[in-house]
Amino acid sequence: QVQLVESGGGLVQAGGSLRLSCTASGDIFRINAMGWYRQAPGKQRELVATVTSGSNTNYADSVKGRFTISRDNAKNTMFLQMNSLKPEDTAVYYCNADIQAILLGTNNYWGQGTQVTVSS
């Protein structure tokens, strides 16, 4: 079974930092693009950042310059370094990835999410 698991969320004061991790496990042949999304209460899920297998990155304007997305292909792991956090960053953060399983086609997967709360 292919699955994604996030970790690293928590409570932090405004201006602080957190580092989120997402690890994929299972019978994986190849992981293509990966990304972080977030969903605040009463809001739709929105894209935060993406990273390709070649480490090409894209960021939402709201986090550009503060967040950094990266990946370690050898460990099937993606990271989101979040600096200068603001209360409006408070949300559940979700890991997303396009994964080709062994002997199967490519599917899109979601993690269960990790809560990030930024106090003022």
N, C-alpha and C. Protein backbone atom coordinates (compact mmCIF):
# COMPACT_ATOMS: atom_id res chain seq x y z
N GLN A 1 0.84 -1.18 0.00
CA GLN A 1 0.00 0.00 0.00
C GLN A 1 0.89 1.25 0.00
N VAL A 2 0.69 2.12 -0.96
CA VAL A 2 1.41 3.38 -1.02
C VAL A 2 0.71 4.38 -0.11
N GLN A 3 1.46 5.07 0.72
CA GLN A 3 0.87 6.08 1.58
C GLN A 3 1.85 7.21 1.84
N LEU A 4 1.29 8.38 2.22
CA LEU A 4 2.07 9.55 2.59
C LEU A 4 1.75 9.90 4.04
N VAL A 5 2.78 10.23 4.81
CA VAL A 5 2.61 10.59 6.21
C VAL A 5 3.35 11.89 6.49
N GLU A 6 2.62 12.90 7.02
CA GLU A 6 3.21 14.18 7.38
C GLU A 6 3.60 14.21 8.85
N SER A 7 4.57 15.05 9.18
CA SER A 7 4.95 15.27 10.56
C SER A 7 5.57 16.66 10.69
N GLY A 8 5.69 17.15 11.92
CA GLY A 8 6.37 18.41 12.18
C GLY A 8 5.47 19.58 12.53
N GLY A 9 4.16 19.40 12.47
CA GLY A 9 3.26 20.47 12.83
C GLY A 9 3.27 20.74 14.32
N GLY A 10 2.66 21.86 14.71
CA GLY A 10 2.60 22.21 16.12
C GLY A 10 2.18 23.64 16.33
N LEU A 11 2.38 24.12 17.56
CA LEU A 11 2.04 25.48 17.95
C LEU A 11 3.30 26.33 18.02
N VAL A 12 3.28 27.50 17.38
CA VAL A 12 4.43 28.38 17.37
C VAL A 12 3.96 29.82 17.42
N GLN A 13 4.77 30.70 18.02
CA GLN A 13 4.45 32.12 18.06
C GLN A 13 4.75 32.78 16.73
N ALA A 14 4.04 33.88 16.45
CA ALA A 14 4.29 34.65 15.23
C ALA A 14 5.77 35.03 15.14
N GLY A 15 6.33 34.88 13.94
CA GLY A 15 7.74 35.14 13.73
C GLY A 15 8.62 33.91 13.89
N GLY A 16 8.06 32.83 14.40
CA GLY A 16 8.81 31.61 14.61
C GLY A 16 8.89 30.75 13.37
N SER A 17 9.46 29.55 13.53
CA SER A 17 9.69 28.65 12.41
C SER A 17 9.24 27.23 12.74
N LEU A 18 8.87 26.50 11.70
CA LEU A 18 8.56 25.08 11.77
C LEU A 18 9.08 24.41 10.51
N ARG A 19 9.40 23.12 10.62
CA ARG A 19 9.83 22.34 9.48
C ARG A 19 8.94 21.11 9.36
N LEU A 20 8.17 21.03 8.27
CA LEU A 20 7.28 19.90 8.02
C LEU A 20 7.99 18.86 7.16
N SER A 21 7.66 17.59 7.40
CA SER A 21 8.19 16.49 6.61
C SER A 21 7.05 15.64 6.07
N CYS A 22 7.26 15.05 4.90
CA CYS A 22 6.30 14.13 4.30
C CYS A 22 7.08 12.96 3.73
N THR A 23 6.79 11.76 4.21
CA THR A 23 7.49 10.57 3.75
C THR A 23 6.53 9.60 3.06
N ALA A 24 6.90 9.17 1.86
CA ALA A 24 6.13 8.18 1.11
C ALA A 24 6.68 6.79 1.37
N SER A 25 5.78 5.81 1.50
CA SER A 25 6.19 4.43 1.72
C SER A 25 5.33 3.49 0.88
N GLY A 26 5.81 2.26 0.69
CA GLY A 26 5.11 1.28 -0.11
C GLY A 26 5.94 0.81 -1.28
N ASP A 27 5.30 0.08 -2.21
CA ASP A 27 5.99 -0.43 -3.39
C ASP A 27 6.06 0.65 -4.46
N ILE A 28 6.99 1.58 -4.28
CA ILE A 28 7.11 2.75 -5.13
C ILE A 28 8.14 2.53 -6.22
N PHE A 29 7.72 2.80 -7.46
CA PHE A 29 8.64 2.76 -8.59
C PHE A 29 9.26 4.14 -8.83
N ARG A 30 8.42 5.18 -8.79
CA ARG A 30 8.90 6.53 -9.04
C ARG A 30 7.93 7.54 -8.44
N ILE A 31 8.48 8.59 -7.84
CA ILE A 31 7.69 9.72 -7.38
C ILE A 31 7.96 10.89 -8.31
N ASN A 32 6.89 11.43 -8.90
CA ASN A 32 7.03 12.55 -9.81
C ASN A 32 6.91 13.86 -9.02
N ALA A 33 5.98 14.74 -9.38
CA ALA A 33 5.84 15.99 -8.66
C ALA A 33 5.28 15.77 -7.26
N MET A 34 5.69 16.61 -6.31
CA MET A 34 5.17 16.61 -4.95
C MET A 34 4.79 18.05 -4.58
N GLY A 35 3.90 18.19 -3.60
CA GLY A 35 3.51 19.53 -3.19
C GLY A 35 2.90 19.57 -1.81
N TRP A 36 2.87 20.78 -1.27
CA TRP A 36 2.20 21.05 0.00
C TRP A 36 0.97 21.91 -0.25
N TYR A 37 -0.15 21.53 0.36
CA TYR A 37 -1.38 22.30 0.35
C TYR A 37 -1.76 22.61 1.79
N ARG A 38 -2.65 23.59 1.99
CA ARG A 38 -3.14 23.87 3.33
C ARG A 38 -4.61 24.26 3.27
N GLN A 39 -5.31 24.02 4.38
CA GLN A 39 -6.72 24.35 4.47
C GLN A 39 -7.02 24.93 5.85
N ALA A 40 -7.45 26.19 5.87
CA ALA A 40 -7.84 26.86 7.09
C ALA A 40 -9.33 26.66 7.32
N PRO A 41 -9.81 26.81 8.57
CA PRO A 41 -11.24 26.65 8.84
C PRO A 41 -12.10 27.55 7.97
N GLY A 42 -13.11 26.98 7.33
CA GLY A 42 -14.01 27.75 6.49
C GLY A 42 -13.46 28.12 5.13
N LYS A 43 -12.27 27.64 4.79
CA LYS A 43 -11.63 27.96 3.52
C LYS A 43 -11.43 26.70 2.69
N GLN A 44 -11.28 26.88 1.37
CA GLN A 44 -10.94 25.78 0.49
C GLN A 44 -9.45 25.46 0.61
N ARG A 45 -9.11 24.22 0.27
CA ARG A 45 -7.71 23.83 0.27
C ARG A 45 -6.97 24.60 -0.83
N GLU A 46 -5.80 25.14 -0.49
CA GLU A 46 -5.03 25.94 -1.43
C GLU A 46 -3.61 25.41 -1.57
N LEU A 47 -3.04 25.64 -2.73
CA LEU A 47 -1.67 25.24 -3.00
C LEU A 47 -0.70 26.15 -2.28
N VAL A 48 0.30 25.56 -1.62
CA VAL A 48 1.35 26.31 -0.94
C VAL A 48 2.62 26.32 -1.77
N ALA A 49 3.09 25.14 -2.17
CA ALA A 49 4.32 25.03 -2.93
C ALA A 49 4.39 23.67 -3.61
N THR A 50 5.12 23.59 -4.72
CA THR A 50 5.35 22.32 -5.42
C THR A 50 6.82 22.16 -5.73
N VAL A 51 7.24 20.91 -5.91
CA VAL A 51 8.61 20.60 -6.30
C VAL A 51 8.58 19.40 -7.23
N THR A 52 9.26 19.50 -8.38
CA THR A 52 9.32 18.40 -9.33
C THR A 52 10.42 17.42 -8.94
N SER A 53 10.49 16.31 -9.67
CA SER A 53 11.53 15.32 -9.41
C SER A 53 12.92 15.90 -9.67
N GLY A 54 13.00 16.93 -10.50
CA GLY A 54 14.25 17.61 -10.77
C GLY A 54 14.50 18.81 -9.88
N SER A 55 13.68 18.97 -8.83
CA SER A 55 13.81 20.04 -7.82
C SER A 55 13.48 21.42 -8.35
N ASN A 56 12.67 21.51 -9.41
CA ASN A 56 12.12 22.79 -9.84
C ASN A 56 10.96 23.14 -8.91
N THR A 57 10.92 24.38 -8.39
CA THR A 57 9.95 24.75 -7.36
C THR A 57 9.04 25.88 -7.79
N ASN A 58 7.84 25.91 -7.19
CA ASN A 58 6.88 27.00 -7.35
C ASN A 58 6.25 27.29 -6.00
N TYR A 59 5.91 28.57 -5.75
CA TYR A 59 5.35 28.98 -4.47
C TYR A 59 4.14 29.88 -4.68
N ALA A 60 3.18 29.77 -3.76
CA ALA A 60 2.11 30.74 -3.70
C ALA A 60 2.68 32.09 -3.30
N ASP A 61 2.10 33.17 -3.82
CA ASP A 61 2.60 34.51 -3.52
C ASP A 61 2.60 34.80 -2.02
N SER A 62 1.65 34.24 -1.28
CA SER A 62 1.52 34.51 0.13
C SER A 62 2.66 33.96 0.98
N VAL A 63 3.40 32.98 0.45
CA VAL A 63 4.48 32.36 1.22
C VAL A 63 5.85 32.57 0.59
N LYS A 64 5.90 33.15 -0.59
CA LYS A 64 7.16 33.34 -1.29
C LYS A 64 8.12 34.19 -0.46
N GLY A 65 9.35 33.72 -0.31
CA GLY A 65 10.34 34.42 0.48
C GLY A 65 10.38 33.99 1.93
N ARG A 66 9.34 33.29 2.40
CA ARG A 66 9.29 32.83 3.78
C ARG A 66 9.39 31.31 3.89
N PHE A 67 8.81 30.59 2.93
CA PHE A 67 8.80 29.13 2.94
C PHE A 67 9.76 28.59 1.89
N THR A 68 10.33 27.41 2.17
CA THR A 68 11.20 26.73 1.22
C THR A 68 10.81 25.26 1.12
N ILE A 69 10.50 24.79 -0.09
CA ILE A 69 10.16 23.40 -0.31
C ILE A 69 11.39 22.67 -0.88
N SER A 70 11.58 21.43 -0.44
CA SER A 70 12.70 20.63 -0.93
C SER A 70 12.34 19.15 -0.84
N ARG A 71 13.18 18.30 -1.42
CA ARG A 71 12.93 16.86 -1.36
C ARG A 71 14.23 16.09 -1.34
N ASP A 72 14.19 14.92 -0.71
CA ASP A 72 15.31 13.98 -0.67
C ASP A 72 14.82 12.73 -1.38
N ASN A 73 15.17 12.57 -2.65
CA ASN A 73 14.66 11.46 -3.45
C ASN A 73 15.11 10.10 -2.91
N ALA A 74 16.30 10.03 -2.34
CA ALA A 74 16.81 8.77 -1.81
C ALA A 74 15.98 8.28 -0.63
N LYS A 75 15.34 9.20 0.10
CA LYS A 75 14.54 8.86 1.27
C LYS A 75 13.04 8.98 1.02
N ASN A 76 12.63 9.28 -0.22
CA ASN A 76 11.22 9.47 -0.56
C ASN A 76 10.55 10.47 0.37
N THR A 77 11.25 11.55 0.67
CA THR A 77 10.80 12.52 1.65
C THR A 77 10.81 13.93 1.07
N MET A 78 9.79 14.72 1.43
CA MET A 78 9.68 16.12 1.05
C MET A 78 9.60 16.96 2.32
N PHE A 79 10.14 18.18 2.26
CA PHE A 79 10.17 19.07 3.41
C PHE A 79 9.55 20.42 3.07
N LEU A 80 9.06 21.10 4.08
CA LEU A 80 8.63 22.49 3.95
C LEU A 80 9.18 23.26 5.15
N GLN A 81 10.21 24.07 4.91
CA GLN A 81 10.77 24.93 5.94
C GLN A 81 9.97 26.22 5.96
N MET A 82 9.34 26.52 7.09
CA MET A 82 8.47 27.69 7.23
C MET A 82 9.10 28.66 8.22
N ASN A 83 9.48 29.83 7.74
CA ASN A 83 10.07 30.87 8.57
C ASN A 83 9.16 32.09 8.61
N SER A 84 9.39 32.97 9.59
CA SER A 84 8.61 34.21 9.74
C SER A 84 7.11 33.93 9.69
N LEU A 85 6.68 32.95 10.45
CA LEU A 85 5.28 32.52 10.42
C LEU A 85 4.34 33.61 10.92
N LYS A 86 3.17 33.67 10.30
CA LYS A 86 2.12 34.63 10.62
C LYS A 86 0.87 33.90 11.07
N PRO A 87 0.00 34.55 11.85
CA PRO A 87 -1.25 33.89 12.26
C PRO A 87 -2.07 33.39 11.07
N GLU A 88 -2.04 34.08 9.94
CA GLU A 88 -2.79 33.65 8.77
C GLU A 88 -2.23 32.39 8.12
N ASP A 89 -1.07 31.91 8.57
CA ASP A 89 -0.54 30.63 8.11
C ASP A 89 -1.18 29.45 8.84
N THR A 90 -1.97 29.72 9.87
CA THR A 90 -2.63 28.67 10.62
C THR A 90 -3.55 27.86 9.72
N ALA A 91 -3.34 26.54 9.67
CA ALA A 91 -4.11 25.66 8.80
C ALA A 91 -3.66 24.22 9.02
N VAL A 92 -4.41 23.29 8.44
CA VAL A 92 -3.94 21.92 8.32
C VAL A 92 -3.16 21.82 7.02
N TYR A 93 -1.93 21.35 7.11
CA TYR A 93 -1.06 21.25 5.95
C TYR A 93 -1.04 19.81 5.45
N TYR A 94 -1.27 19.64 4.13
CA TYR A 94 -1.37 18.33 3.52
C TYR A 94 -0.26 18.10 2.50
N CYS A 95 0.28 16.90 2.52
CA CYS A 95 1.25 16.46 1.53
C CYS A 95 0.53 15.83 0.35
N ASN A 96 1.00 16.11 -0.87
CA ASN A 96 0.42 15.55 -2.09
C ASN A 96 1.53 15.10 -3.01
N ALA A 97 1.31 13.97 -3.71
CA ALA A 97 2.34 13.46 -4.62
C ALA A 97 1.74 12.62 -5.72
N ASP A 98 2.35 12.70 -6.91
CA ASP A 98 2.06 11.79 -8.01
C ASP A 98 3.06 10.65 -7.95
N ILE A 99 2.56 9.43 -7.73
CA ILE A 99 3.42 8.28 -7.49
C ILE A 99 3.05 7.14 -8.43
N GLN A 100 4.08 6.58 -9.09
CA GLN A 100 3.91 5.38 -9.89
C GLN A 100 4.32 4.18 -9.04
N ALA A 101 3.37 3.31 -8.71
CA ALA A 101 3.66 2.11 -7.94
C ALA A 101 4.19 1.02 -8.86
N ILE A 102 4.92 0.06 -8.28
CA ILE A 102 5.46 -1.05 -9.06
C ILE A 102 4.33 -1.86 -9.70
N LEU A 103 4.41 -2.03 -11.02
CA LEU A 103 3.44 -2.77 -11.84
C LEU A 103 2.07 -2.08 -11.92
N LEU A 104 2.00 -0.83 -11.52
CA LEU A 104 0.76 -0.06 -11.59
C LEU A 104 1.02 1.29 -12.25
N GLY A 105 -0.06 1.94 -12.68
CA GLY A 105 0.05 3.26 -13.26
C GLY A 105 0.23 4.34 -12.20
N THR A 106 0.35 5.57 -12.66
CA THR A 106 0.58 6.69 -11.76
C THR A 106 -0.74 7.16 -11.14
N ASN A 107 -0.73 7.38 -9.81
CA ASN A 107 -1.88 7.89 -9.09
C ASN A 107 -1.48 9.08 -8.23
N ASN A 108 -2.47 9.88 -7.86
CA ASN A 108 -2.25 11.01 -6.97
C ASN A 108 -2.64 10.62 -5.55
N TYR A 109 -1.77 10.96 -4.57
CA TYR A 109 -1.98 10.58 -3.19
C TYR A 109 -1.97 11.78 -2.27
N TRP A 110 -2.74 11.69 -1.19
CA TRP A 110 -2.79 12.71 -0.14
C TRP A 110 -2.41 12.11 1.20
N GLY A 111 -1.70 12.88 2.02
CA GLY A 111 -1.49 12.52 3.40
C GLY A 111 -2.68 12.91 4.25
N GLN A 112 -2.65 12.58 5.54
CA GLN A 112 -3.77 12.86 6.43
C GLN A 112 -3.74 14.29 6.98
N GLY A 113 -2.63 14.98 6.85
CA GLY A 113 -2.52 16.36 7.28
C GLY A 113 -1.87 16.51 8.64
N THR A 114 -1.25 17.67 8.86
CA THR A 114 -0.66 18.01 10.14
C THR A 114 -1.03 19.45 10.48
N GLN A 115 -1.45 19.69 11.72
CA GLN A 115 -1.95 21.00 12.14
C GLN A 115 -0.79 21.95 12.44
N VAL A 116 -0.87 23.14 11.87
CA VAL A 116 0.06 24.23 12.18
C VAL A 116 -0.75 25.38 12.75
N THR A 117 -0.42 25.80 13.97
CA THR A 117 -1.12 26.90 14.62
C THR A 117 -0.11 27.98 15.00
N VAL A 118 -0.33 29.20 14.52
CA VAL A 118 0.56 30.33 14.78
C VAL A 118 -0.19 31.33 15.64
N SER A 119 0.30 31.57 16.84
CA SER A 119 -0.33 32.50 17.77
C SER A 119 0.23 33.90 17.59
N SER A 120 -0.59 34.91 17.90
CA SER A 120 -0.17 36.30 17.79
C SER A 120 0.35 36.85 19.10
